[in-house]
Amino acid sequence: YEDASEEEKDYAAAFASFPNISWKGHCMYCSHCAPCP
């Protein structure tokens, strides 16, 4: 994990596609919102 890329660590896309779970409206601190101008 210590040498993994940000893409390999990224859980947001997986969570957003969970069949049984929705995280809608809840900030997961995943930083997909970046970069901010």
Full PDB file with SEQRES, HELIX, SHEET, SSBOND, CRYST1, ORIGX, SCALE, CONECT and MASTER records, all heavy atoms in Angstrom:
SEQRES   1 A   37  TYR GLU ASP ALA SER GLU GLU GLU LYS ASP TYR ALA ALA          
SEQRES   2 A   37  ALA PHE ALA SER PHE PRO ASN ILE SER TRP LYS GLY HIS          
SEQRES   3 A   37  CYS MET TYR CYS SER HIS CYS ALA PRO CYS PRO                  
HELIX    1 AA1 GLU A    6  LYS A    9  1                                   4    
HELIX    2 AA2 ALA A   12  ALA A   16  1                                   5    
CRYST1    1.000    1.000    1.000  90.00  90.00  90.00 P 1           1          
ORIGX1      1.000000  0.000000  0.000000        0.00000                         
ORIGX2      0.000000  1.000000  0.000000        0.00000                         
ORIGX3      0.000000  0.000000  1.000000        0.00000                         
SCALE1      1.000000  0.000000  0.000000        0.00000                         
SCALE2      0.000000  1.000000  0.000000        0.00000                         
SCALE3      0.000000  0.000000  1.000000        0.00000                         
ATOM      1  N   TYR A   1       0.828  -1.209   0.000  1.00  0.00           N  
ATOM      2  CA  TYR A   1       0.000   0.000   0.000  1.00  0.00           C  
ATOM      3  C   TYR A   1       0.859   1.255   0.000  1.00  0.00           C  
ATOM      4  O   TYR A   1       0.515   2.264  -0.625  1.00  0.00           O  
ATOM      5  CB  TYR A   1      -0.924  -0.004   1.220  1.00  0.00           C  
ATOM      6  CG  TYR A   1      -1.653   1.302   1.452  1.00  0.00           C  
ATOM      7  CD1 TYR A   1      -2.862   1.559   0.808  1.00  0.00           C  
ATOM      8  CD2 TYR A   1      -1.138   2.273   2.314  1.00  0.00           C  
ATOM      9  CE1 TYR A   1      -3.540   2.764   1.013  1.00  0.00           C  
ATOM     10  CE2 TYR A   1      -1.804   3.472   2.522  1.00  0.00           C  
ATOM     11  CZ  TYR A   1      -3.001   3.713   1.869  1.00  0.00           C  
ATOM     12  OH  TYR A   1      -3.651   4.899   2.070  1.00  0.00           O  
ATOM     13  N   GLU A   2       1.970   1.199   0.701  1.00  0.00           N  
ATOM     14  CA  GLU A   2       2.830   2.376   0.840  1.00  0.00           C  
ATOM     15  C   GLU A   2       3.384   2.850  -0.499  1.00  0.00           C  
ATOM     16  O   GLU A   2       3.710   4.030  -0.656  1.00  0.00           O  
ATOM     17  CB  GLU A   2       3.974   2.074   1.814  1.00  0.00           C  
ATOM     18  CG  GLU A   2       3.520   1.839   3.243  1.00  0.00           C  
ATOM     19  CD  GLU A   2       2.840   3.058   3.840  1.00  0.00           C  
ATOM     20  OE1 GLU A   2       3.520   4.065   4.104  1.00  0.00           O  
ATOM     21  OE2 GLU A   2       1.612   3.025   4.028  1.00  0.00           O  
ATOM     22  N   ASP A   3       3.516   1.960  -1.457  1.00  0.00           N  
ATOM     23  CA  ASP A   3       4.044   2.329  -2.773  1.00  0.00           C  
ATOM     24  C   ASP A   3       2.971   2.348  -3.853  1.00  0.00           C  
ATOM     25  O   ASP A   3       3.270   2.549  -5.032  1.00  0.00           O  
ATOM     26  CB  ASP A   3       5.153   1.342  -3.189  1.00  0.00           C  
ATOM     27  CG  ASP A   3       6.357   1.401  -2.260  1.00  0.00           C  
ATOM     28  OD1 ASP A   3       6.767   2.521  -1.907  1.00  0.00           O  
ATOM     29  OD2 ASP A   3       6.854   0.334  -1.857  1.00  0.00           O  
ATOM     30  N   ALA A   4       1.720   2.139  -3.467  1.00  0.00           N  
ATOM     31  CA  ALA A   4       0.639   2.098  -4.450  1.00  0.00           C  
ATOM     32  C   ALA A   4       0.353   3.500  -4.984  1.00  0.00           C  
ATOM     33  O   ALA A   4       0.557   4.507  -4.298  1.00  0.00           O  
ATOM     34  CB  ALA A   4      -0.622   1.515  -3.819  1.00  0.00           C  
ATOM     35  N   SER A   5      -0.135   3.542  -6.217  1.00  0.00           N  
ATOM     36  CA  SER A   5      -0.504   4.822  -6.828  1.00  0.00           C  
ATOM     37  C   SER A   5      -1.836   5.297  -6.259  1.00  0.00           C  
ATOM     38  O   SER A   5      -2.580   4.527  -5.637  1.00  0.00           O  
ATOM     39  CB  SER A   5      -0.628   4.654  -8.344  1.00  0.00           C  
ATOM     40  OG  SER A   5      -1.726   3.793  -8.652  1.00  0.00           O  
ATOM     41  N   GLU A   6      -2.137   6.562  -6.482  1.00  0.00           N  
ATOM     42  CA  GLU A   6      -3.420   7.094  -6.040  1.00  0.00           C  
ATOM     43  C   GLU A   6      -4.570   6.354  -6.713  1.00  0.00           C  
ATOM     44  O   GLU A   6      -5.629   6.154  -6.113  1.00  0.00           O  
ATOM     45  CB  GLU A   6      -3.500   8.590  -6.321  1.00  0.00           C  
ATOM     46  CG  GLU A   6      -2.563   9.431  -5.464  1.00  0.00           C  
ATOM     47  CD  GLU A   6      -2.764   9.213  -3.968  1.00  0.00           C  
ATOM     48  OE1 GLU A   6      -3.933   9.250  -3.517  1.00  0.00           O  
ATOM     49  OE2 GLU A   6      -1.765   8.988  -3.258  1.00  0.00           O  
ATOM     50  N   GLU A   7      -4.372   5.963  -7.949  1.00  0.00           N  
ATOM     51  CA  GLU A   7      -5.397   5.219  -8.680  1.00  0.00           C  
ATOM     52  C   GLU A   7      -5.649   3.862  -8.038  1.00  0.00           C  
ATOM     53  O   GLU A   7      -6.794   3.404  -7.948  1.00  0.00           O  
ATOM     54  CB  GLU A   7      -4.993   5.037 -10.138  1.00  0.00           C  
ATOM     55  CG  GLU A   7      -5.018   6.290 -10.993  1.00  0.00           C  
ATOM     56  CD  GLU A   7      -3.837   7.220 -10.699  1.00  0.00           C  
ATOM     57  OE1 GLU A   7      -2.825   6.762 -10.130  1.00  0.00           O  
ATOM     58  OE2 GLU A   7      -3.946   8.416 -11.046  1.00  0.00           O  
ATOM     59  N   GLU A   8      -4.589   3.210  -7.575  1.00  0.00           N  
ATOM     60  CA  GLU A   8      -4.733   1.899  -6.938  1.00  0.00           C  
ATOM     61  C   GLU A   8      -5.407   2.002  -5.571  1.00  0.00           C  
ATOM     62  O   GLU A   8      -6.094   1.080  -5.145  1.00  0.00           O  
ATOM     63  CB  GLU A   8      -3.362   1.235  -6.791  1.00  0.00           C  
ATOM     64  CG  GLU A   8      -2.760   0.799  -8.119  1.00  0.00           C  
ATOM     65  CD  GLU A   8      -1.324   0.329  -7.971  1.00  0.00           C  
ATOM     66  OE1 GLU A   8      -0.527   1.006  -7.287  1.00  0.00           O  
ATOM     67  OE2 GLU A   8      -0.991  -0.723  -8.562  1.00  0.00           O  
ATOM     68  N   LYS A   9      -5.219   3.132  -4.894  1.00  0.00           N  
ATOM     69  CA  LYS A   9      -5.833   3.331  -3.581  1.00  0.00           C  
ATOM     70  C   LYS A   9      -7.283   3.801  -3.688  1.00  0.00           C  
ATOM     71  O   LYS A   9      -8.058   3.630  -2.752  1.00  0.00           O  
ATOM     72  CB  LYS A   9      -5.041   4.378  -2.790  1.00  0.00           C  
ATOM     73  CG  LYS A   9      -3.624   3.975  -2.426  1.00  0.00           C  
ATOM     74  CD  LYS A   9      -2.930   5.129  -1.718  1.00  0.00           C  
ATOM     75  CE  LYS A   9      -1.503   4.791  -1.358  1.00  0.00           C  
ATOM     76  NZ  LYS A   9      -0.816   5.938  -0.698  1.00  0.00           N  
ATOM     77  N   ASP A  10      -7.627   4.386  -4.805  1.00  0.00           N  
ATOM     78  CA  ASP A  10      -8.914   5.050  -4.973  1.00  0.00           C  
ATOM     79  C   ASP A  10     -10.086   4.085  -4.784  1.00  0.00           C  
ATOM     80  O   ASP A  10     -10.194   3.082  -5.480  1.00  0.00           O  
ATOM     81  CB  ASP A  10      -8.968   5.670  -6.366  1.00  0.00           C  
ATOM     82  CG  ASP A  10     -10.262   6.409  -6.620  1.00  0.00           C  
ATOM     83  OD1 ASP A  10     -10.913   6.815  -5.636  1.00  0.00           O  
ATOM     84  OD2 ASP A  10     -10.635   6.566  -7.794  1.00  0.00           O  
ATOM     85  N   TYR A  11     -10.942   4.420  -3.834  1.00  0.00           N  
ATOM     86  CA  TYR A  11     -12.108   3.575  -3.569  1.00  0.00           C  
ATOM     87  C   TYR A  11     -13.409   4.202  -4.066  1.00  0.00           C  
ATOM     88  O   TYR A  11     -14.459   3.570  -4.050  1.00  0.00           O  
ATOM     89  CB  TYR A  11     -12.247   3.294  -2.067  1.00  0.00           C  
ATOM     90  CG  TYR A  11     -12.171   4.518  -1.177  1.00  0.00           C  
ATOM     91  CD1 TYR A  11     -13.233   5.416  -1.092  1.00  0.00           C  
ATOM     92  CD2 TYR A  11     -11.044   4.786  -0.410  1.00  0.00           C  
ATOM     93  CE1 TYR A  11     -13.172   6.531  -0.284  1.00  0.00           C  
ATOM     94  CE2 TYR A  11     -10.972   5.908   0.400  1.00  0.00           C  
ATOM     95  CZ  TYR A  11     -12.033   6.779   0.461  1.00  0.00           C  
ATOM     96  OH  TYR A  11     -11.970   7.886   1.260  1.00  0.00           O  
ATOM     97  N   ALA A  12     -13.351   5.449  -4.510  1.00  0.00           N  
ATOM     98  CA  ALA A  12     -14.581   6.179  -4.819  1.00  0.00           C  
ATOM     99  C   ALA A  12     -15.387   5.533  -5.929  1.00  0.00           C  
ATOM    100  O   ALA A  12     -16.603   5.352  -5.816  1.00  0.00           O  
ATOM    101  CB  ALA A  12     -14.248   7.627  -5.183  1.00  0.00           C  
ATOM    102  N   ALA A  13     -14.732   5.189  -7.026  1.00  0.00           N  
ATOM    103  CA  ALA A  13     -15.459   4.606  -8.158  1.00  0.00           C  
ATOM    104  C   ALA A  13     -16.097   3.282  -7.763  1.00  0.00           C  
ATOM    105  O   ALA A  13     -17.239   2.989  -8.146  1.00  0.00           O  
ATOM    106  CB  ALA A  13     -14.517   4.415  -9.338  1.00  0.00           C  
ATOM    107  N   ALA A  14     -15.367   2.495  -6.973  1.00  0.00           N  
ATOM    108  CA  ALA A  14     -15.908   1.204  -6.525  1.00  0.00           C  
ATOM    109  C   ALA A  14     -17.130   1.416  -5.634  1.00  0.00           C  
ATOM    110  O   ALA A  14     -18.152   0.754  -5.790  1.00  0.00           O  
ATOM    111  CB  ALA A  14     -14.830   0.407  -5.790  1.00  0.00           C  
ATOM    112  N   PHE A  15     -17.030   2.357  -4.699  1.00  0.00           N  
ATOM    113  CA  PHE A  15     -18.141   2.619  -3.793  1.00  0.00           C  
ATOM    114  C   PHE A  15     -19.367   3.121  -4.551  1.00  0.00           C  
ATOM    115  O   PHE A  15     -20.496   2.744  -4.247  1.00  0.00           O  
ATOM    116  CB  PHE A  15     -17.743   3.671  -2.750  1.00  0.00           C  
ATOM    117  CG  PHE A  15     -16.828   3.164  -1.673  1.00  0.00           C  
ATOM    118  CD1 PHE A  15     -16.174   1.941  -1.787  1.00  0.00           C  
ATOM    119  CD2 PHE A  15     -16.603   3.917  -0.538  1.00  0.00           C  
ATOM    120  CE1 PHE A  15     -15.316   1.494  -0.794  1.00  0.00           C  
ATOM    121  CE2 PHE A  15     -15.753   3.472   0.472  1.00  0.00           C  
ATOM    122  CZ  PHE A  15     -15.111   2.257   0.332  1.00  0.00           C  
ATOM    123  N   ALA A  16     -19.126   3.977  -5.531  1.00  0.00           N  
ATOM    124  CA  ALA A  16     -20.242   4.550  -6.277  1.00  0.00           C  
ATOM    125  C   ALA A  16     -20.989   3.498  -7.093  1.00  0.00           C  
ATOM    126  O   ALA A  16     -22.146   3.697  -7.460  1.00  0.00           O  
ATOM    127  CB  ALA A  16     -19.734   5.654  -7.194  1.00  0.00           C  
ATOM    128  N   SER A  17     -20.322   2.372  -7.355  1.00  0.00           N  
ATOM    129  CA  SER A  17     -20.947   1.323  -8.163  1.00  0.00           C  
ATOM    130  C   SER A  17     -21.432   0.136  -7.345  1.00  0.00           C  
ATOM    131  O   SER A  17     -21.857  -0.874  -7.901  1.00  0.00           O  
ATOM    132  CB  SER A  17     -19.955   0.827  -9.227  1.00  0.00           C  
ATOM    133  OG  SER A  17     -18.851   0.188  -8.618  1.00  0.00           O  
ATOM    134  N   PHE A  18     -21.381   0.249  -6.003  1.00  0.00           N  
ATOM    135  CA  PHE A  18     -21.854  -0.850  -5.163  1.00  0.00           C  
ATOM    136  C   PHE A  18     -23.330  -1.144  -5.457  1.00  0.00           C  
ATOM    137  O   PHE A  18     -24.164  -0.226  -5.386  1.00  0.00           O  
ATOM    138  CB  PHE A  18     -21.725  -0.494  -3.675  1.00  0.00           C  
ATOM    139  CG  PHE A  18     -20.366  -0.716  -3.082  1.00  0.00           C  
ATOM    140  CD1 PHE A  18     -20.081  -0.236  -1.818  1.00  0.00           C  
ATOM    141  CD2 PHE A  18     -19.380  -1.406  -3.759  1.00  0.00           C  
ATOM    142  CE1 PHE A  18     -18.837  -0.429  -1.240  1.00  0.00           C  
ATOM    143  CE2 PHE A  18     -18.128  -1.604  -3.196  1.00  0.00           C  
ATOM    144  CZ  PHE A  18     -17.862  -1.121  -1.935  1.00  0.00           C  
ATOM    145  N   PRO A  19     -23.681  -2.381  -5.743  1.00  0.00           N  
ATOM    146  CA  PRO A  19     -25.096  -2.715  -5.969  1.00  0.00           C  
ATOM    147  C   PRO A  19     -25.972  -2.543  -4.738  1.00  0.00           C  
ATOM    148  O   PRO A  19     -27.148  -2.200  -4.851  1.00  0.00           O  
ATOM    149  CB  PRO A  19     -25.051  -4.194  -6.393  1.00  0.00           C  
ATOM    150  CG  PRO A  19     -23.643  -4.444  -6.816  1.00  0.00           C  
ATOM    151  CD  PRO A  19     -22.805  -3.534  -5.968  1.00  0.00           C  
ATOM    152  N   ASN A  20     -25.408  -2.788  -3.547  1.00  0.00           N  
ATOM    153  CA  ASN A  20     -26.232  -2.837  -2.329  1.00  0.00           C  
ATOM    154  C   ASN A  20     -26.177  -1.581  -1.472  1.00  0.00           C  
ATOM    155  O   ASN A  20     -26.860  -1.486  -0.464  1.00  0.00           O  
ATOM    156  CB  ASN A  20     -25.799  -4.022  -1.460  1.00  0.00           C  
ATOM    157  CG  ASN A  20     -25.922  -5.347  -2.175  1.00  0.00           C  
ATOM    158  OD1 ASN A  20     -26.554  -5.429  -3.218  1.00  0.00           O  
ATOM    159  ND2 ASN A  20     -25.306  -6.384  -1.627  1.00  0.00           N  
ATOM    160  N   ILE A  21     -25.317  -0.615  -1.847  1.00  0.00           N  
ATOM    161  CA  ILE A  21     -25.046   0.512  -0.965  1.00  0.00           C  
ATOM    162  C   ILE A  21     -24.988   1.812  -1.769  1.00  0.00           C  
ATOM    163  O   ILE A  21     -24.455   1.834  -2.866  1.00  0.00           O  
ATOM    164  CB  ILE A  21     -23.698   0.320  -0.224  1.00  0.00           C  
ATOM    165  CG1 ILE A  21     -23.758  -0.905   0.695  1.00  0.00           C  
ATOM    166  CG2 ILE A  21     -23.333   1.554   0.591  1.00  0.00           C  
ATOM    167  CD1 ILE A  21     -22.410  -1.330   1.224  1.00  0.00           C  
ATOM    168  N   SER A  22     -25.529   2.878  -1.187  1.00  0.00           N  
ATOM    169  CA  SER A  22     -25.392   4.201  -1.791  1.00  0.00           C  
ATOM    170  C   SER A  22     -24.785   5.161  -0.773  1.00  0.00           C  
ATOM    171  O   SER A  22     -25.218   5.199   0.377  1.00  0.00           O  
ATOM    172  CB  SER A  22     -26.751   4.743  -2.234  1.00  0.00           C  
ATOM    173  OG  SER A  22     -26.641   6.106  -2.608  1.00  0.00           O  
ATOM    174  N   TRP A  23     -23.784   5.924  -1.207  1.00  0.00           N  
ATOM    175  CA  TRP A  23     -23.163   6.925  -0.349  1.00  0.00           C  
ATOM    176  C   TRP A  23     -23.554   8.331  -0.807  1.00  0.00           C  
ATOM    177  O   TRP A  23     -22.853   9.301  -0.536  1.00  0.00           O  
ATOM    178  CB  TRP A  23     -21.642   6.783  -0.385  1.00  0.00           C  
ATOM    179  CG  TRP A  23     -21.142   5.511   0.196  1.00  0.00           C  
ATOM    180  CD1 TRP A  23     -20.884   4.359  -0.471  1.00  0.00           C  
ATOM    181  CD2 TRP A  23     -20.825   5.254   1.569  1.00  0.00           C  
ATOM    182  NE1 TRP A  23     -20.432   3.394   0.400  1.00  0.00           N  
ATOM    183  CE2 TRP A  23     -20.387   3.922   1.659  1.00  0.00           C  
ATOM    184  CE3 TRP A  23     -20.874   6.030   2.733  1.00  0.00           C  
ATOM    185  CZ2 TRP A  23     -19.996   3.340   2.848  1.00  0.00           C  
ATOM    186  CZ3 TRP A  23     -20.481   5.449   3.922  1.00  0.00           C  
ATOM    187  CH2 TRP A  23     -20.046   4.117   3.980  1.00  0.00           C  
ATOM    188  N   LYS A  24     -24.682   8.458  -1.491  1.00  0.00           N  
ATOM    189  CA  LYS A  24     -25.097   9.729  -2.085  1.00  0.00           C  
ATOM    190  C   LYS A  24     -25.152  10.853  -1.044  1.00  0.00           C  
ATOM    191  O   LYS A  24     -25.738  10.717   0.013  1.00  0.00           O  
ATOM    192  CB  LYS A  24     -26.470   9.575  -2.748  1.00  0.00           C  
ATOM    193  CG  LYS A  24     -26.934  10.820  -3.501  1.00  0.00           C  
ATOM    194  CD  LYS A  24     -28.255  10.551  -4.220  1.00  0.00           C  
ATOM    195  CE  LYS A  24     -28.736  11.794  -4.964  1.00  0.00           C  
ATOM    196  NZ  LYS A  24     -30.006  11.542  -5.685  1.00  0.00           N  
ATOM    197  N   GLY A  25     -24.514  11.955  -1.372  1.00  0.00           N  
ATOM    198  CA  GLY A  25     -24.543  13.132  -0.533  1.00  0.00           C  
ATOM    199  C   GLY A  25     -23.596  13.118   0.645  1.00  0.00           C  
ATOM    200  O   GLY A  25     -23.531  14.087   1.402  1.00  0.00           O  
ATOM    201  N   HIS A  26     -22.840  12.037   0.787  1.00  0.00           N  
ATOM    202  CA  HIS A  26     -21.964  11.877   1.956  1.00  0.00           C  
ATOM    203  C   HIS A  26     -20.510  12.014   1.532  1.00  0.00           C  
ATOM    204  O   HIS A  26     -20.025  11.250   0.703  1.00  0.00           O  
ATOM    205  CB  HIS A  26     -22.194  10.508   2.588  1.00  0.00           C  
ATOM    206  CG  HIS A  26     -21.520  10.342   3.918  1.00  0.00           C  
ATOM    207  ND1 HIS A  26     -22.179  10.543   5.113  1.00  0.00           N  
ATOM    208  CD2 HIS A  26     -20.245  10.036   4.239  1.00  0.00           C  
ATOM    209  CE1 HIS A  26     -21.333  10.341   6.105  1.00  0.00           C  
ATOM    210  NE2 HIS A  26     -20.161  10.030   5.597  1.00  0.00           N  
ATOM    211  N   CYS A  27     -19.806  12.993   2.085  1.00  0.00           N  
ATOM    212  CA  CYS A  27     -18.397  13.172   1.736  1.00  0.00           C  
ATOM    213  C   CYS A  27     -17.571  12.018   2.290  1.00  0.00           C  
ATOM    214  O   CYS A  27     -17.610  11.728   3.489  1.00  0.00           O  
ATOM    215  CB  CYS A  27     -17.866  14.489   2.294  1.00  0.00           C  
ATOM    216  SG  CYS A  27     -16.131  14.777   1.863  1.00  0.00           S  
ATOM    217  N   MET A  28     -16.834  11.365   1.398  1.00  0.00           N  
ATOM    218  CA  MET A  28     -16.009  10.224   1.790  1.00  0.00           C  
ATOM    219  C   MET A  28     -14.541  10.605   1.941  1.00  0.00           C  
ATOM    220  O   MET A  28     -13.690   9.753   2.122  1.00  0.00           O  
ATOM    221  CB  MET A  28     -16.146   9.111   0.736  1.00  0.00           C  
ATOM    222  CG  MET A  28     -17.569   8.614   0.548  1.00  0.00           C  
ATOM    223  SD  MET A  28     -18.239   7.897   2.042  1.00  0.00           S  
ATOM    224  CE  MET A  28     -17.186   6.475   2.199  1.00  0.00           C  
ATOM    225  N   TYR A  29     -14.222  11.915   1.817  1.00  0.00           N  
ATOM    226  CA  TYR A  29     -12.850  12.408   1.930  1.00  0.00           C  
ATOM    227  C   TYR A  29     -11.934  11.749   0.896  1.00  0.00           C  
ATOM    228  O   TYR A  29     -10.760  11.491   1.156  1.00  0.00           O  
ATOM    229  CB  TYR A  29     -12.296  12.193   3.347  1.00  0.00           C  
ATOM    230  CG  TYR A  29     -13.223  12.632   4.450  1.00  0.00           C  
ATOM    231  CD1 TYR A  29     -13.549  11.775   5.487  1.00  0.00           C  
ATOM    232  CD2 TYR A  29     -13.786  13.907   4.455  1.00  0.00           C  
ATOM    233  CE1 TYR A  29     -14.418  12.179   6.501  1.00  0.00           C  
ATOM    234  CE2 TYR A  29     -14.650  14.313   5.463  1.00  0.00           C  
ATOM    235  CZ  TYR A  29     -14.956  13.442   6.480  1.00  0.00           C  
ATOM    236  OH  TYR A  29     -15.811  13.845   7.472  1.00  0.00           O  
ATOM    237  N   CYS A  30     -12.498  11.439  -0.278  1.00  0.00           N  
ATOM    238  CA  CYS A  30     -11.744  10.701  -1.298  1.00  0.00           C  
ATOM    239  C   CYS A  30     -10.938  11.616  -2.208  1.00  0.00           C  
ATOM    240  O   CYS A  30     -10.109  11.149  -2.990  1.00  0.00           O  
ATOM    241  CB  CYS A  30     -12.684   9.843  -2.143  1.00  0.00           C  
ATOM    242  SG  CYS A  30     -13.807  10.790  -3.215  1.00  0.00           S  
ATOM    243  N   SER A  31     -11.193  12.947  -2.151  1.00  0.00           N  
ATOM    244  CA  SER A  31     -10.469  13.970  -2.924  1.00  0.00           C  
ATOM    245  C   SER A  31     -10.702  13.901  -4.426  1.00  0.00           C  
ATOM    246  O   SER A  31      -9.916  14.457  -5.197  1.00  0.00           O  
ATOM    247  CB  SER A  31      -8.959  13.910  -2.618  1.00  0.00           C  
ATOM    248  OG  SER A  31      -8.725  14.264  -1.263  1.00  0.00           O  
ATOM    249  N   HIS A  32     -11.765  13.251  -4.857  1.00  0.00           N  
ATOM    250  CA  HIS A  32     -12.088  13.268  -6.278  1.00  0.00           C  
ATOM    251  C   HIS A  32     -12.502  14.651  -6.739  1.00  0.00           C  
ATOM    252  O   HIS A  32     -12.515  14.931  -7.940  1.00  0.00           O  
ATOM    253  CB  HIS A  32     -13.211  12.264  -6.588  1.00  0.00           C  
ATOM    254  CG  HIS A  32     -12.697  10.930  -7.010  1.00  0.00           C  
ATOM    255  ND1 HIS A  32     -12.831  10.441  -8.276  1.00  0.00           N  
ATOM    256  CD2 HIS A  32     -12.007   9.993  -6.328  1.00  0.00           C  
ATOM    257  CE1 HIS A  32     -12.275   9.258  -8.364  1.00  0.00           C  
ATOM    258  NE2 HIS A  32     -11.762   8.954  -7.181  1.00  0.00           N  
ATOM    259  N   CYS A  33     -12.853  15.512  -5.802  1.00  0.00           N  
ATOM    260  CA  CYS A  33     -13.253  16.875  -6.147  1.00  0.00           C  
ATOM    261  C   CYS A  33     -12.073  17.703  -6.651  1.00  0.00           C  
ATOM    262  O   CYS A  33     -12.254  18.727  -7.311  1.00  0.00           O  
ATOM    263  CB  CYS A  33     -13.874  17.550  -4.936  1.00  0.00           C  
ATOM    264  SG  CYS A  33     -12.903  17.339  -3.422  1.00  0.00           S  
ATOM    265  N   ALA A  34     -10.852  17.303  -6.341  1.00  0.00           N  
ATOM    266  CA  ALA A  34      -9.654  18.029  -6.763  1.00  0.00           C  
ATOM    267  C   ALA A  34      -9.419  17.813  -8.272  1.00  0.00           C  
ATOM    268  O   ALA A  34      -9.891  16.823  -8.845  1.00  0.00           O  
ATOM    269  CB  ALA A  34      -8.455  17.545  -5.957  1.00  0.00           C  
ATOM    270  N   PRO A  35      -8.701  18.753  -8.927  1.00  0.00           N  
ATOM    271  CA  PRO A  35      -8.063  19.939  -8.352  1.00  0.00           C  
ATOM    272  C   PRO A  35      -9.009  21.124  -8.300  1.00  0.00           C  
ATOM    273  O   PRO A  35      -9.852  21.300  -9.172  1.00  0.00           O  
ATOM    274  CB  PRO A  35      -6.918  20.201  -9.325  1.00  0.00           C  
ATOM    275  CG  PRO A  35      -7.450  19.737 -10.647  1.00  0.00           C  
ATOM    276  CD  PRO A  35      -8.323  18.541 -10.345  1.00  0.00           C  
ATOM    277  N   CYS A  36      -8.833  21.931  -7.264  1.00  0.00           N  
ATOM    278  CA  CYS A  36      -9.601  23.156  -7.124  1.00  0.00           C  
ATOM    279  C   CYS A  36      -8.803  24.301  -7.747  1.00  0.00           C  
ATOM    280  O   CYS A  36      -7.584  24.401  -7.519  1.00  0.00           O  
ATOM    281  CB  CYS A  36      -9.830  23.436  -5.640  1.00  0.00           C  
ATOM    282  SG  CYS A  36     -10.478  25.081  -5.269  1.00  0.00           S  
ATOM    283  N   PRO A  37      -9.430  25.168  -8.540  1.00  0.00           N  
ATOM    284  CA  PRO A  37      -8.690  26.275  -9.158  1.00  0.00           C  
ATOM    285  C   PRO A  37      -8.067  27.221  -8.129  1.00  0.00           C  
ATOM    286  O   PRO A  37      -7.099  27.920  -8.434  1.00  0.00           O  
ATOM    287  CB  PRO A  37      -9.750  26.986 -10.006  1.00  0.00           C  
ATOM    288  CG  PRO A  37     -11.061  26.559  -9.467  1.00  0.00           C  
ATOM    289  CD  PRO A  37     -10.856  25.180  -8.947  1.00  0.00           C  
TER     290      PRO A  37                                                      
MASTER        0    0    0    2    0    0    0    6  289    1    0    3          
END                                                                             
